[in-house]
Amino acid sequence: FIKGKLNPCGLKVLVATAPDSLPLEFFINQGTGEKILNDSADNDLKELDIGGKVLLRLLEN
């Protein structure tokens, strides 16, 4: 959120890269209301913070 920004909505591009910065996997997240992991996730996964969920999403493929 940026105070005074005309359009407070935005996209987040999350990228997994190799050590030499080669992009391996990415996904685009719209933010609020969009699930990072599917609803079939176990109860253990629901306790993860946003970073853990993003990591699991990038490792799915």
Protein backbone atom coordinates (compact mmCIF):
# COMPACT_ATOMS: atom_id res chain seq x y z
CA PHE A 1 0.00 0.00 0.00
CA ILE A 2 1.33 3.40 -0.96
CA LYS A 3 -0.39 6.38 0.65
CA GLY A 4 -1.70 8.79 -1.96
CA LYS A 5 -1.29 6.34 -4.84
CA LEU A 6 -4.08 6.87 -7.37
CA ASN A 7 -4.73 3.16 -7.88
CA PRO A 8 -3.99 1.23 -4.66
CA CYS A 9 -4.40 -2.13 -6.41
CA GLY A 10 -1.42 -3.90 -7.88
CA LEU A 11 0.12 -7.16 -8.99
CA LYS A 12 2.94 -9.10 -7.40
CA VAL A 13 5.22 -11.18 -9.60
CA LEU A 14 6.86 -13.91 -7.52
CA VAL A 15 9.85 -15.63 -9.12
CA ALA A 16 12.03 -18.62 -8.21
CA THR A 17 15.49 -18.27 -9.75
CA ALA A 18 18.64 -20.34 -10.10
CA PRO A 19 21.81 -19.09 -8.34
CA ASP A 20 22.86 -17.38 -11.60
CA SER A 21 19.53 -15.42 -11.67
CA LEU A 22 17.96 -17.55 -14.39
CA PRO A 23 14.16 -17.53 -13.81
CA LEU A 24 12.89 -21.06 -13.22
CA GLU A 25 9.27 -20.58 -12.16
CA PHE A 26 6.98 -17.61 -11.55
CA PHE A 27 3.40 -16.71 -10.83
CA ILE A 28 1.47 -13.48 -10.67
CA ASN A 29 -0.57 -12.74 -7.57
CA GLN A 30 -3.28 -10.11 -7.48
CA GLY A 31 -3.18 -9.83 -3.71
CA THR A 32 -6.26 -9.67 -1.50
CA GLY A 33 -8.75 -12.47 -1.98
CA GLU A 34 -6.57 -14.62 -4.22
CA LYS A 35 -5.39 -17.93 -2.78
CA ILE A 36 -1.72 -18.80 -3.08
CA LEU A 37 -2.29 -22.49 -2.34
CA ASN A 38 -5.38 -24.46 -3.38
CA ASP A 39 -8.12 -25.23 -0.85
CA SER A 40 -7.10 -28.88 -0.62
CA ALA A 41 -4.02 -27.96 1.45
CA ASP A 42 -3.47 -29.83 4.73
CA ASN A 43 -4.06 -28.21 8.11
CA ASP A 44 -0.28 -28.03 8.65
CA LEU A 45 0.07 -25.85 5.56
CA LYS A 46 -2.56 -23.40 6.77
CA GLU A 47 -0.20 -22.36 9.58
CA LEU A 48 2.46 -21.14 7.12
CA ASP A 49 3.05 -17.45 6.61
CA ILE A 50 2.97 -15.83 3.18
CA GLY A 51 6.63 -16.65 2.47
CA GLY A 52 6.14 -20.35 3.16
CA LYS A 53 3.04 -20.49 0.99
CA VAL A 54 4.80 -18.73 -1.89
CA LEU A 55 7.74 -21.15 -1.64
CA LEU A 56 5.44 -24.18 -1.77
CA ARG A 57 3.54 -22.70 -4.73
CA LEU A 58 6.76 -22.14 -6.68
CA LEU A 59 7.94 -25.69 -5.92
CA GLU A 60 4.69 -27.33 -7.17
CA ASN A 61 5.84 -27.58 -10.79
